[in-house]
Amino acid sequence: TESGMNLQADFYVVASGAWSSCILNEVEMPKIKPIRGQLIQYPSIKEKLPYILYKNDFYLIQRQDGVVLAGSTKEDVGFDKRITEEARKSLQMKAESIMPILKNYNIENQWSGLRPGSQDNVPMIERHHKYNNVYLNVGHYRYGLTMAPKAARIISDLITLNG
C-alpha cells in the first residue's frame, strides 16, 4: 500500500477508478487515465422533465426533488479536479438551449469528478495477463456506476472459475 503495508490475499481485484494505473506499474497495468467531468446544478423547478434529455453527448436530468443537473464535460487534464468558469458557461449555454426555462434560474452548484478512461473507453473486466491471481475491473469511463453490478458479477465468476 501507499503507507508501506503489505496485503496478503488469494486474489486481488484492481477496481480503483481513475487511480487504477497507480496500483501496478505501467508495464504490468493497462493505461487508465483520469478524464475530468464537470456538472452544474440548477435549483428545484416546477416544470417536470418526463425523461432524460440528451443531445450531442450532453444531458439534462431532473432528480425527484425537482433539481436539474446538466452535464457533462470530458477533459483530459490528469488528476486536476478543479472546476472552471469556461465549463460552467458552456454547460449553462447547452442546458438553456435545450430547456429555455432554465434561463430564469441561477446555477446553484458546480462540481467535477474523475472518470477512468481507457485507450478506447471500453472497460477491461478480465484476468491479468501476467499475474494469475490479479483481476482487472477498470476503464469504465462514464458508465462505472451503471455497469458496477454486472462488472462485479463477471469478476466474481472469473475468480470462481479460475480460482
N, C-alpha and C. Protein backbone atom coordinates (compact mmCIF):
# COMPACT_ATOMS: atom_id res chain seq x y z
N THR A 1 0.84 -1.19 0.00
CA THR A 1 0.00 0.00 0.00
C THR A 1 0.88 1.24 0.00
N GLU A 2 0.26 2.37 -0.17
CA GLU A 2 0.99 3.64 -0.16
C GLU A 2 1.69 3.89 1.17
N SER A 3 1.10 3.37 2.25
CA SER A 3 1.69 3.57 3.58
C SER A 3 2.73 2.51 3.92
N GLY A 4 3.01 1.60 2.98
CA GLY A 4 4.03 0.58 3.20
C GLY A 4 3.51 -0.72 3.76
N MET A 5 2.22 -0.84 3.95
CA MET A 5 1.63 -2.07 4.48
C MET A 5 1.55 -3.12 3.37
N ASN A 6 1.90 -4.36 3.70
CA ASN A 6 1.78 -5.46 2.75
C ASN A 6 0.43 -6.14 2.95
N LEU A 7 -0.24 -6.41 1.85
CA LEU A 7 -1.53 -7.10 1.90
C LEU A 7 -1.35 -8.51 1.38
N GLN A 8 -1.96 -9.47 2.04
CA GLN A 8 -1.90 -10.87 1.61
C GLN A 8 -3.32 -11.35 1.30
N ALA A 9 -3.50 -11.92 0.12
CA ALA A 9 -4.80 -12.46 -0.27
C ALA A 9 -4.59 -13.50 -1.35
N ASP A 10 -5.58 -14.36 -1.52
CA ASP A 10 -5.52 -15.34 -2.60
C ASP A 10 -5.72 -14.68 -3.96
N PHE A 11 -6.59 -13.67 -3.98
CA PHE A 11 -6.92 -12.96 -5.22
C PHE A 11 -6.96 -11.47 -4.95
N TYR A 12 -6.65 -10.71 -5.99
CA TYR A 12 -6.70 -9.25 -5.91
C TYR A 12 -7.53 -8.75 -7.08
N VAL A 13 -8.34 -7.75 -6.83
CA VAL A 13 -9.12 -7.11 -7.88
C VAL A 13 -8.73 -5.64 -7.92
N VAL A 14 -8.25 -5.19 -9.07
CA VAL A 14 -7.94 -3.78 -9.27
C VAL A 14 -9.20 -3.13 -9.81
N ALA A 15 -9.78 -2.26 -9.00
CA ALA A 15 -11.01 -1.56 -9.36
C ALA A 15 -10.98 -0.19 -8.69
N SER A 16 -9.98 0.59 -9.05
CA SER A 16 -9.72 1.85 -8.36
C SER A 16 -10.03 3.07 -9.21
N GLY A 17 -10.97 2.92 -10.13
CA GLY A 17 -11.39 4.06 -10.94
C GLY A 17 -10.24 4.71 -11.67
N ALA A 18 -10.22 6.04 -11.66
CA ALA A 18 -9.20 6.80 -12.37
C ALA A 18 -7.80 6.56 -11.83
N TRP A 19 -7.70 6.00 -10.63
CA TRP A 19 -6.42 5.75 -9.99
C TRP A 19 -5.90 4.33 -10.23
N SER A 20 -6.58 3.55 -11.04
CA SER A 20 -6.21 2.14 -11.24
C SER A 20 -4.79 1.96 -11.76
N SER A 21 -4.32 2.83 -12.63
CA SER A 21 -2.96 2.69 -13.16
C SER A 21 -1.91 2.93 -12.09
N CYS A 22 -2.29 3.52 -10.98
CA CYS A 22 -1.34 3.76 -9.88
C CYS A 22 -1.10 2.50 -9.06
N ILE A 23 -1.93 1.48 -9.24
CA ILE A 23 -1.82 0.26 -8.44
C ILE A 23 -0.63 -0.59 -8.86
N LEU A 24 -0.48 -0.82 -10.15
CA LEU A 24 0.65 -1.58 -10.70
C LEU A 24 1.40 -0.66 -11.65
N ASN A 25 2.67 -0.96 -11.88
CA ASN A 25 3.40 -0.08 -12.79
C ASN A 25 2.85 -0.20 -14.21
N GLU A 26 3.20 0.76 -15.05
CA GLU A 26 2.60 0.85 -16.37
C GLU A 26 2.85 -0.35 -17.26
N VAL A 27 3.97 -1.04 -17.06
CA VAL A 27 4.26 -2.23 -17.87
C VAL A 27 3.26 -3.34 -17.55
N GLU A 28 2.87 -3.41 -16.29
CA GLU A 28 2.02 -4.51 -15.84
C GLU A 28 0.53 -4.16 -15.83
N MET A 29 0.19 -2.91 -16.01
CA MET A 29 -1.19 -2.47 -15.89
C MET A 29 -1.60 -1.71 -17.14
N PRO A 30 -2.75 -2.03 -17.71
CA PRO A 30 -3.22 -1.23 -18.84
C PRO A 30 -3.34 0.24 -18.43
N LYS A 31 -3.09 1.11 -19.38
CA LYS A 31 -3.12 2.55 -19.09
C LYS A 31 -4.56 3.01 -18.89
N ILE A 32 -4.84 3.42 -17.67
CA ILE A 32 -6.12 4.03 -17.34
C ILE A 32 -5.81 5.47 -16.96
N LYS A 33 -6.49 6.41 -17.59
CA LYS A 33 -6.18 7.80 -17.29
C LYS A 33 -7.44 8.53 -16.83
N PRO A 34 -7.26 9.50 -15.95
CA PRO A 34 -8.41 10.25 -15.47
C PRO A 34 -8.93 11.22 -16.53
N ILE A 35 -10.24 11.25 -16.67
CA ILE A 35 -10.91 12.21 -17.55
C ILE A 35 -11.88 13.01 -16.68
N ARG A 36 -11.61 14.31 -16.56
CA ARG A 36 -12.46 15.15 -15.70
C ARG A 36 -13.81 15.39 -16.36
N GLY A 37 -14.85 15.28 -15.56
CA GLY A 37 -16.20 15.62 -15.98
C GLY A 37 -16.78 16.64 -15.02
N GLN A 38 -17.26 17.76 -15.56
CA GLN A 38 -17.87 18.79 -14.73
C GLN A 38 -19.37 18.83 -14.98
N LEU A 39 -20.11 19.11 -13.93
CA LEU A 39 -21.56 19.23 -13.99
C LEU A 39 -21.98 20.52 -13.31
N ILE A 40 -23.18 21.00 -13.68
CA ILE A 40 -23.78 22.12 -12.96
C ILE A 40 -25.15 21.69 -12.46
N GLN A 41 -25.61 22.40 -11.43
CA GLN A 41 -26.89 22.07 -10.80
C GLN A 41 -27.76 23.32 -10.74
N TYR A 42 -28.98 23.17 -11.24
CA TYR A 42 -30.00 24.21 -11.10
C TYR A 42 -30.87 23.85 -9.90
N PRO A 43 -31.59 24.84 -9.35
CA PRO A 43 -32.46 24.54 -8.21
C PRO A 43 -33.66 23.70 -8.63
N SER A 44 -34.44 23.31 -7.67
CA SER A 44 -35.68 22.60 -7.94
C SER A 44 -36.61 23.51 -8.75
N ILE A 45 -37.12 22.98 -9.85
CA ILE A 45 -38.03 23.77 -10.68
C ILE A 45 -39.38 23.07 -10.76
N LYS A 46 -40.43 23.86 -11.01
CA LYS A 46 -41.79 23.31 -11.08
C LYS A 46 -42.00 22.49 -12.34
N GLU A 47 -41.43 22.96 -13.45
CA GLU A 47 -41.57 22.24 -14.71
C GLU A 47 -40.92 20.86 -14.57
N LYS A 48 -41.58 19.86 -15.09
CA LYS A 48 -41.07 18.49 -14.95
C LYS A 48 -40.53 17.97 -16.28
N LEU A 49 -39.38 17.34 -16.20
CA LEU A 49 -38.83 16.64 -17.35
C LEU A 49 -39.36 15.21 -17.31
N PRO A 50 -40.03 14.75 -18.35
CA PRO A 50 -40.58 13.39 -18.32
C PRO A 50 -39.51 12.31 -18.47
N TYR A 51 -38.32 12.70 -18.94
CA TYR A 51 -37.24 11.74 -19.16
C TYR A 51 -35.92 12.52 -19.24
N ILE A 52 -34.84 11.81 -19.34
CA ILE A 52 -33.53 12.45 -19.50
C ILE A 52 -33.48 13.06 -20.90
N LEU A 53 -33.07 14.31 -20.98
CA LEU A 53 -32.87 14.96 -22.28
C LEU A 53 -31.40 14.80 -22.65
N TYR A 54 -31.15 14.31 -23.84
CA TYR A 54 -29.79 14.02 -24.28
C TYR A 54 -29.60 14.54 -25.69
N LYS A 55 -28.53 15.31 -25.88
CA LYS A 55 -28.25 15.85 -27.21
C LYS A 55 -26.74 16.09 -27.35
N ASN A 56 -26.16 15.54 -28.39
CA ASN A 56 -24.73 15.76 -28.70
C ASN A 56 -23.83 15.51 -27.49
N ASP A 57 -24.00 14.36 -26.86
CA ASP A 57 -23.15 13.96 -25.73
C ASP A 57 -23.33 14.86 -24.50
N PHE A 58 -24.47 15.51 -24.39
CA PHE A 58 -24.81 16.38 -23.26
C PHE A 58 -26.17 15.95 -22.75
N TYR A 59 -26.37 16.03 -21.43
CA TYR A 59 -27.65 15.60 -20.89
C TYR A 59 -28.17 16.54 -19.82
N LEU A 60 -29.49 16.54 -19.68
CA LEU A 60 -30.20 17.17 -18.57
C LEU A 60 -31.00 16.09 -17.89
N ILE A 61 -30.92 16.06 -16.58
CA ILE A 61 -31.69 15.08 -15.82
C ILE A 61 -32.28 15.80 -14.61
N GLN A 62 -33.52 15.46 -14.30
CA GLN A 62 -34.18 16.06 -13.14
C GLN A 62 -34.33 15.01 -12.05
N ARG A 63 -33.85 15.36 -10.86
CA ARG A 63 -34.00 14.46 -9.72
C ARG A 63 -35.44 14.49 -9.22
N GLN A 64 -35.77 13.57 -8.35
CA GLN A 64 -37.13 13.51 -7.80
C GLN A 64 -37.51 14.77 -7.05
N ASP A 65 -36.52 15.45 -6.47
CA ASP A 65 -36.80 16.69 -5.74
C ASP A 65 -36.93 17.90 -6.66
N GLY A 66 -36.86 17.69 -7.97
CA GLY A 66 -37.03 18.77 -8.94
C GLY A 66 -35.74 19.44 -9.38
N VAL A 67 -34.64 19.18 -8.68
CA VAL A 67 -33.34 19.75 -9.04
C VAL A 67 -32.93 19.23 -10.42
N VAL A 68 -32.37 20.12 -11.24
CA VAL A 68 -31.94 19.76 -12.59
C VAL A 68 -30.41 19.75 -12.64
N LEU A 69 -29.86 18.65 -13.15
CA LEU A 69 -28.42 18.51 -13.33
C LEU A 69 -28.11 18.57 -14.82
N ALA A 70 -27.04 19.26 -15.17
CA ALA A 70 -26.63 19.40 -16.56
C ALA A 70 -25.17 18.99 -16.70
N GLY A 71 -24.90 18.10 -17.64
CA GLY A 71 -23.52 17.67 -17.78
C GLY A 71 -23.29 16.94 -19.09
N SER A 72 -22.20 16.60 -19.31
CA SER A 72 -21.03 17.00 -18.56
C SER A 72 -19.89 17.20 -19.51
N THR A 73 -18.79 17.69 -18.99
CA THR A 73 -17.61 17.89 -19.83
C THR A 73 -16.79 16.60 -19.89
N LYS A 74 -15.87 16.56 -20.85
CA LYS A 74 -14.89 15.48 -20.96
C LYS A 74 -13.55 16.16 -21.18
N GLU A 75 -12.71 16.16 -20.12
CA GLU A 75 -11.47 16.92 -20.18
C GLU A 75 -10.28 16.04 -19.78
N ASP A 76 -9.32 15.95 -20.66
CA ASP A 76 -8.10 15.18 -20.41
C ASP A 76 -7.09 16.11 -19.74
N VAL A 77 -7.19 16.24 -18.41
CA VAL A 77 -6.36 17.19 -17.66
C VAL A 77 -5.65 16.51 -16.48
N GLY A 78 -5.47 15.21 -16.56
CA GLY A 78 -4.82 14.50 -15.47
C GLY A 78 -5.72 14.44 -14.25
N PHE A 79 -5.11 14.51 -13.08
CA PHE A 79 -5.86 14.38 -11.83
C PHE A 79 -6.37 15.72 -11.31
N ASP A 80 -6.49 16.70 -12.16
CA ASP A 80 -6.97 18.04 -11.79
C ASP A 80 -8.49 18.03 -11.67
N LYS A 81 -8.99 18.20 -10.45
CA LYS A 81 -10.44 18.18 -10.22
C LYS A 81 -11.03 19.59 -10.09
N ARG A 82 -10.25 20.61 -10.39
CA ARG A 82 -10.77 21.97 -10.26
C ARG A 82 -11.93 22.20 -11.23
N ILE A 83 -12.87 23.01 -10.79
CA ILE A 83 -13.96 23.42 -11.68
C ILE A 83 -13.53 24.70 -12.39
N THR A 84 -14.11 24.92 -13.58
CA THR A 84 -13.70 26.09 -14.36
C THR A 84 -14.91 26.91 -14.79
N GLU A 85 -14.68 28.20 -14.94
CA GLU A 85 -15.72 29.11 -15.42
C GLU A 85 -16.07 28.78 -16.87
N GLU A 86 -15.08 28.38 -17.64
CA GLU A 86 -15.31 28.01 -19.04
C GLU A 86 -16.31 26.86 -19.14
N ALA A 87 -16.13 25.84 -18.32
CA ALA A 87 -17.05 24.70 -18.33
C ALA A 87 -18.43 25.13 -17.86
N ARG A 88 -18.47 25.96 -16.83
CA ARG A 88 -19.76 26.45 -16.31
C ARG A 88 -20.56 27.15 -17.41
N LYS A 89 -19.90 28.05 -18.12
CA LYS A 89 -20.58 28.80 -19.19
C LYS A 89 -21.03 27.87 -20.31
N SER A 90 -20.18 26.94 -20.69
CA SER A 90 -20.52 26.00 -21.77
C SER A 90 -21.71 25.13 -21.38
N LEU A 91 -21.68 24.59 -20.17
CA LEU A 91 -22.78 23.74 -19.71
C LEU A 91 -24.07 24.54 -19.59
N GLN A 92 -23.96 25.76 -19.08
CA GLN A 92 -25.14 26.62 -18.94
C GLN A 92 -25.75 26.93 -20.31
N MET A 93 -24.91 27.25 -21.28
CA MET A 93 -25.39 27.56 -22.63
C MET A 93 -26.13 26.36 -23.23
N LYS A 94 -25.54 25.18 -23.10
CA LYS A 94 -26.17 23.98 -23.64
C LYS A 94 -27.48 23.68 -22.92
N ALA A 95 -27.47 23.77 -21.59
CA ALA A 95 -28.67 23.47 -20.81
C ALA A 95 -29.81 24.40 -21.19
N GLU A 96 -29.51 25.68 -21.30
CA GLU A 96 -30.56 26.66 -21.58
C GLU A 96 -31.01 26.64 -23.03
N SER A 97 -30.19 26.11 -23.93
CA SER A 97 -30.64 25.97 -25.32
C SER A 97 -31.60 24.79 -25.45
N ILE A 98 -31.40 23.76 -24.64
CA ILE A 98 -32.29 22.59 -24.68
C ILE A 98 -33.56 22.85 -23.88
N MET A 99 -33.43 23.57 -22.77
CA MET A 99 -34.56 23.83 -21.88
C MET A 99 -34.55 25.32 -21.52
N PRO A 100 -35.09 26.17 -22.38
CA PRO A 100 -35.00 27.63 -22.20
C PRO A 100 -35.52 28.15 -20.85
N ILE A 101 -36.44 27.46 -20.21
CA ILE A 101 -36.97 27.91 -18.92
C ILE A 101 -35.86 28.04 -17.88
N LEU A 102 -34.75 27.31 -18.07
CA LEU A 102 -33.63 27.38 -17.12
C LEU A 102 -32.98 28.75 -17.08
N LYS A 103 -33.21 29.58 -18.11
CA LYS A 103 -32.67 30.95 -18.10
C LYS A 103 -33.22 31.75 -16.92
N ASN A 104 -34.34 31.32 -16.38
CA ASN A 104 -34.97 32.01 -15.25
C ASN A 104 -34.39 31.60 -13.90
N TYR A 105 -33.43 30.70 -13.90
CA TYR A 105 -32.88 30.17 -12.64
C TYR A 105 -31.37 30.36 -12.60
N ASN A 106 -30.87 30.54 -11.39
CA ASN A 106 -29.42 30.64 -11.19
C ASN A 106 -28.84 29.24 -10.96
N ILE A 107 -27.62 29.07 -11.38
CA ILE A 107 -26.91 27.82 -11.10
C ILE A 107 -26.59 27.79 -9.61
N GLU A 108 -26.93 26.69 -8.97
CA GLU A 108 -26.71 26.55 -7.53
C GLU A 108 -25.37 25.92 -7.17
N ASN A 109 -24.87 25.06 -8.04
CA ASN A 109 -23.67 24.32 -7.69
C ASN A 109 -22.95 23.86 -8.96
N GLN A 110 -21.68 23.64 -8.82
CA GLN A 110 -20.86 23.08 -9.91
C GLN A 110 -19.82 22.19 -9.25
N TRP A 111 -19.57 21.03 -9.83
CA TRP A 111 -18.55 20.15 -9.29
C TRP A 111 -17.95 19.31 -10.41
N SER A 112 -16.92 18.58 -10.04
CA SER A 112 -16.27 17.72 -11.03
C SER A 112 -15.93 16.38 -10.40
N GLY A 113 -15.67 15.43 -11.26
CA GLY A 113 -15.21 14.11 -10.84
C GLY A 113 -14.26 13.58 -11.89
N LEU A 114 -13.57 12.52 -11.55
CA LEU A 114 -12.61 11.92 -12.47
C LEU A 114 -13.10 10.55 -12.90
N ARG A 115 -13.21 10.38 -14.21
CA ARG A 115 -13.65 9.10 -14.77
C ARG A 115 -12.43 8.30 -15.20
N PRO A 116 -12.52 6.98 -15.10
CA PRO A 116 -11.40 6.14 -15.54
C PRO A 116 -11.50 5.82 -17.03
N GLY A 117 -10.73 6.53 -17.83
CA GLY A 117 -10.76 6.30 -19.27
C GLY A 117 -9.68 5.33 -19.71
N SER A 118 -10.03 4.43 -20.62
CA SER A 118 -9.05 3.54 -21.24
C SER A 118 -8.75 4.10 -22.62
N GLN A 119 -7.83 3.47 -23.34
CA GLN A 119 -7.47 3.99 -24.67
C GLN A 119 -8.67 4.06 -25.60
N ASP A 120 -9.54 3.06 -25.54
CA ASP A 120 -10.71 3.04 -26.42
C ASP A 120 -12.02 3.24 -25.65
N ASN A 121 -11.91 3.59 -24.37
CA ASN A 121 -13.07 3.78 -23.49
C ASN A 121 -13.96 2.55 -23.38
N VAL A 122 -13.36 1.40 -23.57
CA VAL A 122 -14.04 0.13 -23.36
C VAL A 122 -13.48 -0.47 -22.08
N PRO A 123 -14.34 -0.86 -21.15
CA PRO A 123 -13.84 -1.38 -19.88
C PRO A 123 -13.09 -2.70 -20.04
N MET A 124 -12.18 -2.95 -19.11
CA MET A 124 -11.45 -4.21 -19.06
C MET A 124 -11.93 -4.96 -17.83
N ILE A 125 -12.60 -6.05 -18.06
CA ILE A 125 -13.08 -6.91 -16.97
C ILE A 125 -12.49 -8.28 -17.27
N GLU A 126 -11.33 -8.55 -16.68
CA GLU A 126 -10.58 -9.73 -17.10
C GLU A 126 -9.51 -10.11 -16.08
N ARG A 127 -8.97 -11.29 -16.30
CA ARG A 127 -7.83 -11.75 -15.52
C ARG A 127 -6.58 -11.07 -16.07
N HIS A 128 -5.68 -10.70 -15.19
CA HIS A 128 -4.44 -10.03 -15.60
C HIS A 128 -3.63 -10.96 -16.50
N HIS A 129 -3.00 -10.42 -17.52
CA HIS A 129 -2.24 -11.24 -18.48
C HIS A 129 -0.97 -11.85 -17.88
N LYS A 130 -0.47 -11.29 -16.79
CA LYS A 130 0.79 -11.77 -16.22
C LYS A 130 0.60 -12.43 -14.85
N TYR A 131 -0.27 -11.90 -14.04
CA TYR A 131 -0.46 -12.41 -12.67
C TYR A 131 -1.80 -13.15 -12.59
N ASN A 132 -1.75 -14.45 -12.36
CA ASN A 132 -2.96 -15.27 -12.38
C ASN A 132 -3.94 -14.98 -11.26
N ASN A 133 -3.49 -14.35 -10.19
CA ASN A 133 -4.40 -14.07 -9.08
C ASN A 133 -4.82 -12.60 -9.02
N VAL A 134 -4.58 -11.87 -10.11
CA VAL A 134 -4.97 -10.46 -10.19
C VAL A 134 -6.02 -10.31 -11.29
N TYR A 135 -7.10 -9.63 -10.95
CA TYR A 135 -8.20 -9.40 -11.88
C TYR A 135 -8.40 -7.90 -12.05
N LEU A 136 -8.73 -7.51 -13.26
CA LEU A 136 -8.91 -6.10 -13.60
C LEU A 136 -10.39 -5.80 -13.82
N ASN A 137 -10.85 -4.77 -13.18
CA ASN A 137 -12.20 -4.26 -13.39
C ASN A 137 -12.04 -2.74 -13.51
N VAL A 138 -11.56 -2.32 -14.68
CA VAL A 138 -11.10 -0.94 -14.86
C VAL A 138 -11.58 -0.36 -16.19
N GLY A 139 -11.48 0.97 -16.29
CA GLY A 139 -11.72 1.66 -17.55
C GLY A 139 -13.18 1.82 -17.94
N HIS A 140 -14.06 1.93 -16.97
CA HIS A 140 -15.50 2.02 -17.27
C HIS A 140 -15.94 3.41 -17.73
N TYR A 141 -15.04 4.36 -17.66
CA TYR A 141 -15.26 5.71 -18.18
C TYR A 141 -16.53 6.32 -17.61
N ARG A 142 -17.49 6.66 -18.42
CA ARG A 142 -18.70 7.35 -17.96
C ARG A 142 -19.77 6.39 -17.42
N TYR A 143 -19.51 5.11 -17.47
CA TYR A 143 -20.57 4.15 -17.17
C TYR A 143 -20.29 3.28 -15.96
N GLY A 144 -19.36 3.69 -15.13
CA GLY A 144 -18.97 2.89 -13.97
C GLY A 144 -20.11 2.57 -13.03
N LEU A 145 -20.90 3.56 -12.67
CA LEU A 145 -22.00 3.31 -11.73
C LEU A 145 -23.06 2.40 -12.33
N THR A 146 -23.36 2.59 -13.59
CA THR A 146 -24.40 1.75 -14.19
C THR A 146 -23.91 0.34 -14.49
N MET A 147 -22.63 0.19 -14.72
CA MET A 147 -22.09 -1.13 -15.03
C MET A 147 -21.60 -1.90 -13.81
N ALA A 148 -21.46 -1.24 -12.68
CA ALA A 148 -20.83 -1.84 -11.50
C ALA A 148 -21.43 -3.18 -11.08
N PRO A 149 -22.75 -3.32 -10.95
CA PRO A 149 -23.28 -4.61 -10.50
C PRO A 149 -22.92 -5.77 -11.43
N LYS A 150 -23.06 -5.57 -12.73
CA LYS A 150 -22.75 -6.64 -13.68
C LYS A 150 -21.24 -6.90 -13.75
N ALA A 151 -20.45 -5.84 -13.72
CA ALA A 151 -19.00 -6.00 -13.76
C ALA A 151 -18.51 -6.77 -12.53
N ALA A 152 -19.08 -6.48 -11.37
CA ALA A 152 -18.71 -7.21 -10.15
C ALA A 152 -19.08 -8.68 -10.26
N ARG A 153 -20.22 -8.97 -10.86
CA ARG A 153 -20.65 -10.36 -11.06
C ARG A 153 -19.68 -11.08 -11.98
N ILE A 154 -19.28 -10.42 -13.06
CA ILE A 154 -18.34 -11.04 -14.01
C ILE A 154 -17.01 -11.34 -13.32
N ILE A 155 -16.48 -10.39 -12.56
CA ILE A 155 -15.22 -10.61 -11.84
C ILE A 155 -15.37 -11.76 -10.85
N SER A 156 -16.48 -11.78 -10.14
CA SER A 156 -16.74 -12.86 -9.18
C SER A 156 -16.76 -14.22 -9.89
N ASP A 157 -17.42 -14.27 -11.03
CA ASP A 157 -17.48 -15.52 -11.80
C ASP A 157 -16.10 -15.92 -12.31
N LEU A 158 -15.31 -14.96 -12.77
CA LEU A 158 -13.96 -15.26 -13.25
C LEU A 158 -13.10 -15.84 -12.13
N ILE A 159 -13.18 -15.25 -10.95
CA ILE A 159 -12.40 -15.76 -9.81
C ILE A 159 -12.87 -17.15 -9.43
N THR A 160 -14.17 -17.36 -9.41
CA THR A 160 -14.72 -18.67 -9.05
C THR A 160 -14.29 -19.73 -10.07
N LEU A 161 -14.34 -19.39 -11.35
CA LEU A 161 -13.95 -20.34 -12.41
C LEU A 161 -12.46 -20.64 -12.40
N ASN A 162 -11.65 -19.60 -12.21
CA ASN A 162 -10.20 -19.75 -12.32
C ASN A 162 -9.51 -20.04 -10.99
N GLY A 163 -10.26 -19.88 -9.89
CA GLY A 163 -9.73 -19.99 -8.54
C GLY A 163 -8.93 -21.21 -8.34
